[in-house]
Each structure stands twice: as C-alpha cells, then as structure tokens.
Amino acid sequence: MKVIFLLILVSLVVALGFLAAFIWAVRSGQYDDDYTPSVRMLLDDEPTTNDKTAN
C-alpha cells in the first residue's frame, strides 16, 4: 500500500513539473508566433556564400 501512495505522489510531482514548465513557456513567449508557421513553406531559403551548387 505504501508503494501506491509513493507512486501517486511521484506522478503528482512530475505532473506539476510539466505544468510549471508549460506555464513558464507560455509566459516567456514560446507560443507567440502564429503567422510564420503557416507561411514557412512559401518562403525561400536565403542562399549561402559557401553553397557549391550555385555555380
């Protein structure tokens, strides 16, 4: 029975850790860019100067 209580406690700690990480990510602006992902495939990559196929 002690093992079940220990597992429940550990799972709650892990869940609270993930919740805290998610809240931190939202507050730090990780999910602010709504426009770029929808048009990323339409944007061309910038050519690099070291590109050997540009001859």
N, C-alpha and C. Protein backbone atom coordinates (compact mmCIF):
# COMPACT_ATOMS: atom_id res chain seq x y z
N MET A 1 0.82 -1.19 0.00
CA MET A 1 0.00 0.00 0.00
C MET A 1 0.87 1.26 0.00
N LYS A 2 2.02 1.19 0.65
CA LYS A 2 2.91 2.34 0.68
C LYS A 2 3.45 2.65 -0.71
N VAL A 3 3.62 1.62 -1.52
CA VAL A 3 4.16 1.81 -2.86
C VAL A 3 3.15 2.59 -3.72
N ILE A 4 1.88 2.30 -3.57
CA ILE A 4 0.85 3.01 -4.34
C ILE A 4 0.85 4.49 -3.98
N PHE A 5 0.93 4.80 -2.69
CA PHE A 5 0.97 6.20 -2.27
C PHE A 5 2.23 6.89 -2.78
N LEU A 6 3.34 6.18 -2.78
CA LEU A 6 4.58 6.73 -3.30
C LEU A 6 4.48 7.01 -4.80
N LEU A 7 3.90 6.08 -5.55
CA LEU A 7 3.75 6.27 -6.98
C LEU A 7 2.79 7.42 -7.30
N ILE A 8 1.73 7.55 -6.54
CA ILE A 8 0.80 8.67 -6.74
C ILE A 8 1.50 9.98 -6.45
N LEU A 9 2.27 10.03 -5.38
CA LEU A 9 2.99 11.25 -5.03
C LEU A 9 4.01 11.62 -6.11
N VAL A 10 4.76 10.64 -6.59
CA VAL A 10 5.75 10.89 -7.63
C VAL A 10 5.07 11.35 -8.92
N SER A 11 3.95 10.75 -9.28
CA SER A 11 3.25 11.15 -10.51
C SER A 11 2.69 12.56 -10.38
N LEU A 12 2.24 12.94 -9.20
CA LEU A 12 1.76 14.31 -8.99
C LEU A 12 2.90 15.32 -9.09
N VAL A 13 4.05 14.97 -8.56
CA VAL A 13 5.21 15.86 -8.66
C VAL A 13 5.65 16.04 -10.11
N VAL A 14 5.66 14.96 -10.86
CA VAL A 14 6.03 15.03 -12.27
C VAL A 14 5.01 15.85 -13.05
N ALA A 15 3.72 15.63 -12.79
CA ALA A 15 2.67 16.38 -13.48
C ALA A 15 2.76 17.87 -13.14
N LEU A 16 3.02 18.21 -11.91
CA LEU A 16 3.17 19.61 -11.53
C LEU A 16 4.42 20.23 -12.17
N GLY A 17 5.46 19.43 -12.33
CA GLY A 17 6.66 19.91 -13.02
C GLY A 17 6.38 20.24 -14.48
N PHE A 18 5.65 19.36 -15.17
CA PHE A 18 5.29 19.63 -16.55
C PHE A 18 4.36 20.82 -16.66
N LEU A 19 3.44 20.97 -15.74
CA LEU A 19 2.54 22.13 -15.74
C LEU A 19 3.33 23.42 -15.53
N ALA A 20 4.27 23.40 -14.62
CA ALA A 20 5.10 24.58 -14.38
C ALA A 20 5.94 24.92 -15.61
N ALA A 21 6.49 23.91 -16.28
CA ALA A 21 7.27 24.16 -17.49
C ALA A 21 6.40 24.72 -18.60
N PHE A 22 5.18 24.24 -18.72
CA PHE A 22 4.26 24.76 -19.74
C PHE A 22 3.89 26.21 -19.45
N ILE A 23 3.58 26.51 -18.21
CA ILE A 23 3.23 27.88 -17.84
C ILE A 23 4.42 28.81 -18.07
N TRP A 24 5.62 28.36 -17.74
CA TRP A 24 6.83 29.16 -17.99
C TRP A 24 7.01 29.42 -19.48
N ALA A 25 6.77 28.39 -20.32
CA ALA A 25 6.95 28.55 -21.76
C ALA A 25 5.93 29.54 -22.33
N VAL A 26 4.71 29.48 -21.84
CA VAL A 26 3.69 30.40 -22.33
C VAL A 26 4.01 31.83 -21.92
N ARG A 27 4.43 32.01 -20.69
CA ARG A 27 4.74 33.37 -20.22
C ARG A 27 6.00 33.94 -20.84
N SER A 28 6.93 33.09 -21.26
CA SER A 28 8.16 33.60 -21.86
C SER A 28 8.03 33.84 -23.36
N GLY A 29 6.86 33.55 -23.93
CA GLY A 29 6.61 33.88 -25.32
C GLY A 29 6.94 32.79 -26.31
N GLN A 30 6.99 31.56 -25.91
CA GLN A 30 7.31 30.48 -26.83
C GLN A 30 6.22 30.25 -27.88
N TYR A 31 5.00 30.63 -27.59
CA TYR A 31 3.88 30.35 -28.49
C TYR A 31 3.31 31.63 -29.08
N ASP A 32 4.08 32.70 -29.17
CA ASP A 32 3.57 33.97 -29.66
C ASP A 32 3.51 34.06 -31.19
N ASP A 33 4.34 33.34 -31.90
CA ASP A 33 4.40 33.47 -33.35
C ASP A 33 3.33 32.60 -34.00
N ASP A 34 2.24 33.23 -34.43
CA ASP A 34 1.16 32.49 -35.08
C ASP A 34 1.24 32.56 -36.60
N TYR A 35 1.94 33.54 -37.14
CA TYR A 35 1.94 33.77 -38.59
C TYR A 35 2.99 32.95 -39.33
N THR A 36 4.20 32.92 -38.85
CA THR A 36 5.31 32.31 -39.58
C THR A 36 5.11 30.82 -39.88
N PRO A 37 4.64 29.99 -38.96
CA PRO A 37 4.50 28.57 -39.31
C PRO A 37 3.55 28.31 -40.47
N SER A 38 2.53 29.15 -40.65
CA SER A 38 1.58 28.91 -41.72
C SER A 38 2.13 29.27 -43.09
N VAL A 39 3.14 30.14 -43.16
CA VAL A 39 3.70 30.54 -44.45
C VAL A 39 5.15 30.13 -44.62
N ARG A 40 5.67 29.32 -43.73
CA ARG A 40 7.08 28.93 -43.78
C ARG A 40 7.41 28.21 -45.08
N MET A 41 6.49 27.39 -45.58
CA MET A 41 6.79 26.65 -46.81
C MET A 41 6.80 27.56 -48.03
N LEU A 42 6.22 28.75 -47.93
CA LEU A 42 6.20 29.67 -49.05
C LEU A 42 7.44 30.54 -49.13
N LEU A 43 8.19 30.64 -48.06
CA LEU A 43 9.38 31.48 -48.02
C LEU A 43 10.58 30.73 -48.57
N ASP A 44 11.37 31.41 -49.38
CA ASP A 44 12.58 30.81 -49.93
C ASP A 44 13.69 30.89 -48.91
N ASP A 45 14.56 29.90 -48.93
CA ASP A 45 15.74 29.93 -48.09
C ASP A 45 16.74 30.92 -48.68
N GLU A 46 17.46 31.60 -47.83
CA GLU A 46 18.50 32.52 -48.27
C GLU A 46 19.69 31.72 -48.78
N PRO A 47 20.22 32.04 -49.97
CA PRO A 47 21.39 31.31 -50.45
C PRO A 47 22.62 31.65 -49.62
N THR A 48 23.43 30.67 -49.37
CA THR A 48 24.65 30.89 -48.60
C THR A 48 25.81 31.09 -49.57
N THR A 49 26.86 31.75 -49.09
CA THR A 49 28.03 32.00 -49.95
C THR A 49 28.88 30.74 -50.12
N ASN A 50 28.73 29.78 -49.24
CA ASN A 50 29.52 28.56 -49.32
C ASN A 50 28.80 27.46 -50.09
N ASP A 51 27.69 27.78 -50.73
CA ASP A 51 26.92 26.77 -51.44
C ASP A 51 27.63 26.40 -52.74
N LYS A 52 28.04 25.17 -52.88
CA LYS A 52 28.79 24.73 -54.05
C LYS A 52 27.90 24.41 -55.23
N THR A 53 26.58 24.31 -55.03
CA THR A 53 25.67 24.03 -56.14
C THR A 53 25.22 25.30 -56.84
N ALA A 54 25.67 26.46 -56.42
CA ALA A 54 25.25 27.73 -57.00
C ALA A 54 26.09 28.12 -58.22
N ASN A 55 26.92 27.24 -58.72
CA ASN A 55 27.78 27.56 -59.86
C ASN A 55 27.01 27.66 -61.13
